[in-house]
Amino acid sequence: MIGTEPKRFEDVQRVLNEYSRLIVVGCGGCAAVCHTGGEPEVEAMADKLAGIGKEVLATPVPERTCYIQHLRKSLGDIRSQLAASQALLILGCGGAVQTVRQFTEECDLVKPVVSGLNSVGHMDTLVPDTLWMERCSSCGDCMLNETGGICPITLCAKGLVNGSCGGTRDDGTCEADPEKDCAWELIYERLKALGQLNNLRRIRAPKNWGTMGRPRRILRDPEAAELGKQLT
């Protein structure tokens, strides 16, 4: 999932300063899991905005706000409020913000779409409702098969593809952050347990960062290629 954290309310307030009629859009997916954009958080934000004199016309929480099909259904039900609003505040990831912007353009509405959250990475749930951690950088050139299922691009402070760096502490922690285990120490122990230490004998070429060229797309239907070029 995409991890999110709330922006400071003062920063959101500043961006919304000149608008009085608002819609607050949440997300029933990732932001709900992170407790940053589900129904309780959307209602809490609406109350805070009302407390500073704003009129909140609607508080939809689509099933997945970054999925245009869910957004069309959810916001399609409040078209009159959309038309009457002056701006939309989105409690979702950056993708959700841009998908809402896309929807407003489909409706021929020119409305400011304001982000209320910061996206902080692709997160895995380690402790339900408590702890999420980034363990994949979505680099497009996965090397997990060579490192025992542990990603050094994300977990190594230096993103080394050949490790360790020589700065590992005696207790196996990282020289850059003593609160974290050295990723390559973890990889070594994992490969040792698997009987695959020979994987460490191969010197890997520098990472091909060209696979992270932005924006990336996944296209399943070749006939839709032209449409994909039009959508940003």
Protein backbone atom coordinates (compact mmCIF):
# COMPACT_ATOMS: atom_id res chain seq x y z
CA MET A 1 0.00 0.00 0.00
CA ILE A 2 0.98 3.68 -0.24
CA GLY A 3 1.86 5.10 3.17
CA THR A 4 0.59 8.59 3.99
CA GLU A 5 1.00 11.08 6.80
CA PRO A 6 -1.06 14.23 7.45
CA LYS A 7 0.26 17.59 6.39
CA ARG A 8 0.29 20.24 9.10
CA PHE A 9 -3.20 21.72 9.38
CA GLU A 10 -1.68 25.20 9.20
CA ASP A 11 -0.25 24.37 5.76
CA VAL A 12 -3.58 23.02 4.53
CA GLN A 13 -5.37 26.06 5.93
CA ARG A 14 -3.00 28.40 4.12
CA VAL A 15 -3.66 26.75 0.74
CA LEU A 16 -7.43 26.84 1.34
CA ASN A 17 -7.45 30.37 2.72
CA GLU A 18 -9.37 31.99 -0.14
CA TYR A 19 -11.96 29.23 -0.51
CA SER A 20 -15.03 28.92 1.71
CA ARG A 21 -17.08 26.10 0.14
CA LEU A 22 -15.18 22.81 0.17
CA ILE A 23 -15.48 19.10 -0.44
CA VAL A 24 -13.27 16.76 1.59
CA VAL A 25 -12.51 13.51 -0.25
CA GLY A 26 -11.06 10.56 1.64
CA CYS A 27 -9.91 7.11 0.51
CA GLY A 28 -11.26 3.77 1.68
CA GLY A 29 -8.04 2.05 0.67
CA CYS A 30 -4.49 2.82 1.76
CA ALA A 31 -5.28 6.08 3.57
CA ALA A 32 -8.00 4.36 5.58
CA VAL A 33 -5.54 1.64 6.61
CA CYS A 34 -3.04 4.32 7.68
CA HIS A 35 -5.77 6.15 9.62
CA THR A 36 -5.11 9.29 7.60
CA GLY A 37 -8.01 9.40 5.15
CA GLY A 38 -10.78 7.01 6.14
CA GLU A 39 -14.26 8.07 7.22
CA PRO A 40 -13.23 9.09 10.80
CA GLU A 41 -10.35 11.23 9.54
CA VAL A 42 -12.48 12.86 6.83
CA GLU A 43 -15.17 13.76 9.35
CA ALA A 44 -12.56 15.08 11.78
CA MET A 45 -11.09 17.26 9.04
CA ALA A 46 -14.54 18.54 8.10
CA ASP A 47 -15.10 19.55 11.73
CA LYS A 48 -11.75 21.37 11.87
CA LEU A 49 -12.55 23.22 8.69
CA ALA A 50 -15.99 24.17 9.98
CA GLY A 51 -14.27 25.47 13.08
CA ILE A 52 -12.40 28.04 11.00
CA GLY A 53 -15.49 29.15 9.11
CA LYS A 54 -15.43 26.82 6.09
CA GLU A 55 -18.55 25.18 4.68
CA VAL A 56 -18.00 21.52 3.86
CA LEU A 57 -20.54 20.47 1.23
CA ALA A 58 -19.74 16.75 1.12
CA THR A 59 -17.36 14.16 2.59
CA PRO A 60 -17.18 11.21 0.15
CA VAL A 61 -14.82 8.32 0.83
CA PRO A 62 -14.44 6.29 -2.38
CA GLU A 63 -13.46 2.64 -2.11
CA ARG A 64 -10.11 3.48 -3.78
CA THR A 65 -9.63 7.12 -4.70
CA CYS A 66 -6.75 6.39 -7.09
CA TYR A 67 -9.04 4.07 -9.11
CA ILE A 68 -10.92 6.27 -11.59
CA GLN A 69 -13.84 3.81 -11.78
CA HIS A 70 -14.48 4.05 -8.01
CA LEU A 71 -14.06 7.81 -8.11
CA ARG A 72 -16.55 8.26 -10.93
CA LYS A 73 -19.17 6.34 -8.96
CA SER A 74 -18.55 8.09 -5.64
CA LEU A 75 -18.17 11.66 -6.86
CA GLY A 76 -20.73 11.16 -9.61
CA ASP A 77 -23.35 10.99 -6.86
CA ILE A 78 -22.50 14.51 -5.62
CA ARG A 79 -22.22 16.43 -8.89
CA SER A 80 -24.34 19.33 -7.61
CA GLN A 81 -22.06 19.77 -4.56
CA LEU A 82 -19.02 19.52 -6.82
CA ALA A 83 -20.35 22.29 -9.01
CA ALA A 84 -21.10 24.48 -5.98
CA SER A 85 -17.73 23.90 -4.31
CA GLN A 86 -14.72 26.18 -4.68
CA ALA A 87 -12.02 23.59 -3.93
CA LEU A 88 -11.53 19.93 -3.05
CA LEU A 89 -9.30 18.72 -0.22
CA ILE A 90 -8.03 15.19 -0.75
CA LEU A 91 -7.04 12.94 2.14
CA GLY A 92 -5.30 10.36 -0.01
CA CYS A 93 -1.97 9.70 -1.67
CA GLY A 94 -0.53 11.81 -4.45
CA GLY A 95 -2.05 9.43 -6.97
CA ALA A 96 -5.48 9.99 -5.43
CA VAL A 97 -5.07 13.76 -5.69
CA GLN A 98 -4.24 13.52 -9.37
CA THR A 99 -7.05 11.07 -10.10
CA VAL A 100 -9.52 13.49 -8.50
CA ARG A 101 -8.06 16.24 -10.66
CA GLN A 102 -8.55 14.01 -13.71
CA PHE A 103 -12.20 13.45 -12.74
CA THR A 104 -12.89 17.17 -12.35
CA GLU A 105 -11.44 17.74 -15.82
CA GLU A 106 -13.68 15.00 -17.22
CA CYS A 107 -16.60 16.95 -15.74
CA ASP A 108 -15.36 20.22 -17.29
CA LEU A 109 -14.88 21.65 -13.81
CA VAL A 110 -11.91 23.88 -13.08
CA LYS A 111 -11.46 23.40 -9.34
CA PRO A 112 -8.34 23.54 -7.16
CA VAL A 113 -7.54 20.03 -5.89
CA VAL A 114 -5.55 20.29 -2.65
CA SER A 115 -3.50 17.56 -1.00
CA GLY A 116 -3.99 17.06 2.73
CA LEU A 117 -1.48 14.23 3.08
CA ASN A 118 2.15 13.47 2.27
CA SER A 119 2.90 10.18 0.49
CA VAL A 120 5.82 8.46 2.18
CA GLY A 121 6.38 5.31 0.16
CA HIS A 122 5.23 1.80 -0.66
CA MET A 123 4.52 0.29 2.77
CA ASP A 124 4.06 -3.22 4.11
CA THR A 125 2.00 -3.90 7.23
CA LEU A 126 4.23 -5.40 9.94
CA VAL A 127 1.93 -4.89 12.94
CA PRO A 128 -1.75 -4.42 11.99
CA ASP A 129 -3.04 -0.89 12.71
CA THR A 130 0.31 -0.01 14.33
CA LEU A 131 3.45 -0.36 12.19
CA TRP A 132 4.07 -0.01 8.47
CA MET A 133 7.49 -0.12 6.83
CA GLU A 134 8.90 0.54 3.38
CA ARG A 135 10.64 -2.62 2.18
CA CYS A 136 10.39 -2.18 -1.61
CA SER A 137 11.52 0.82 -3.66
CA SER A 138 9.65 -0.33 -6.79
CA CYS A 139 12.90 -0.02 -8.73
CA GLY A 140 11.68 -2.02 -11.72
CA ASP A 141 14.70 -4.36 -11.65
CA CYS A 142 14.09 -6.66 -8.67
CA MET A 143 17.05 -8.55 -7.20
CA LEU A 144 15.23 -10.33 -4.36
CA ASN A 145 15.91 -13.72 -5.95
CA GLU A 146 19.63 -13.12 -5.41
CA THR A 147 19.45 -11.72 -1.87
CA GLY A 148 17.23 -14.16 -0.04
CA GLY A 149 14.10 -12.05 -0.32
CA ILE A 150 15.64 -9.01 1.41
CA CYS A 151 15.90 -5.78 -0.60
CA PRO A 152 19.21 -3.93 -0.20
CA ILE A 153 18.05 -1.06 -2.41
CA THR A 154 15.51 -0.13 0.27
CA LEU A 155 16.95 -1.50 3.50
CA CYS A 156 20.61 -0.56 2.98
CA ALA A 157 21.19 3.11 3.84
CA LYS A 158 23.51 3.35 0.81
CA GLY A 159 21.41 1.18 -1.51
CA LEU A 160 24.41 -1.05 -2.22
CA VAL A 161 24.01 -3.94 -4.67
CA ASN A 162 27.25 -5.49 -3.36
CA GLY A 163 27.71 -5.52 0.40
CA SER A 164 28.36 -5.08 3.10
CA CYS A 165 30.19 -1.75 2.93
CA GLY A 166 32.74 -2.39 5.67
CA GLY A 167 31.14 0.06 8.05
CA THR A 168 28.89 -2.46 9.77
CA ARG A 169 29.07 -2.20 13.54
CA ASP A 170 30.19 -5.12 15.70
CA ASP A 171 26.61 -5.78 16.73
CA GLY A 172 25.47 -6.01 13.10
CA THR A 173 23.83 -2.60 12.93
CA CYS A 174 24.26 0.02 10.23
CA GLU A 175 26.98 2.66 10.53
CA ALA A 176 24.57 5.28 9.17
CA ASP A 177 21.81 4.43 11.66
CA PRO A 178 22.62 2.31 14.73
CA GLU A 179 18.89 1.74 15.25
CA LYS A 180 18.76 -0.38 12.09
CA ASP A 181 20.28 -3.75 11.25
CA CYS A 182 22.77 -3.78 8.38
CA ALA A 183 20.79 -5.00 5.38
CA TRP A 184 23.71 -7.00 4.06
CA GLU A 185 24.21 -8.71 7.42
CA LEU A 186 20.56 -9.75 7.21
CA ILE A 187 21.09 -10.95 3.65
CA TYR A 188 24.18 -12.94 4.65
CA GLU A 189 22.36 -14.72 7.48
CA ARG A 190 19.36 -15.43 5.25
CA LEU A 191 21.48 -16.85 2.42
CA LYS A 192 23.47 -18.90 4.93
CA ALA A 193 20.27 -20.46 6.25
CA LEU A 194 19.16 -21.20 2.70
CA GLY A 195 22.51 -22.69 1.71
CA GLN A 196 22.92 -20.02 -0.98
CA LEU A 197 26.03 -18.12 0.16
CA ASN A 198 27.49 -18.58 -3.32
CA ASN A 199 25.12 -15.78 -4.37
CA LEU A 200 27.49 -13.38 -2.60
CA ARG A 201 30.45 -14.37 -4.77
CA ARG A 202 29.04 -12.72 -7.85
CA ILE A 203 29.87 -9.04 -8.28
CA ARG A 204 26.77 -7.22 -9.48
CA ALA A 205 26.91 -4.39 -11.99
CA PRO A 206 25.82 -0.92 -10.85
CA LYS A 207 22.06 -0.53 -10.61
CA ASN A 208 20.28 0.39 -13.82
CA TRP A 209 18.24 3.33 -12.59
CA GLY A 210 16.79 3.75 -16.08
CA THR A 211 14.08 1.30 -15.00
CA MET A 212 12.79 4.02 -12.66
CA GLY A 213 12.15 6.53 -15.43
CA ARG A 214 9.07 8.62 -14.58
CA PRO A 215 6.19 8.40 -15.04
CA ARG A 216 5.98 4.63 -15.37
CA ARG A 217 2.95 2.92 -16.88
CA ILE A 218 1.52 -0.58 -17.10
CA LEU A 219 -0.37 -1.16 -20.36
CA ARG A 220 -2.40 -4.35 -20.77
CA ASP A 221 -4.27 -3.43 -23.96
CA PRO A 222 -2.05 -2.29 -26.87
CA GLU A 223 -5.10 -0.59 -28.45
CA ALA A 224 -5.22 1.76 -25.46
CA ALA A 225 -1.66 3.02 -25.99
CA GLU A 226 -2.80 6.30 -27.52
CA LEU A 227 -5.22 6.92 -24.67
CA GLY A 228 -2.43 6.30 -22.16
CA LYS A 229 -0.35 9.04 -23.77
CA GLN A 230 -3.18 11.54 -23.25
CA LEU A 231 -3.71 10.88 -19.55
CA THR A 232 -1.33 12.57 -17.12
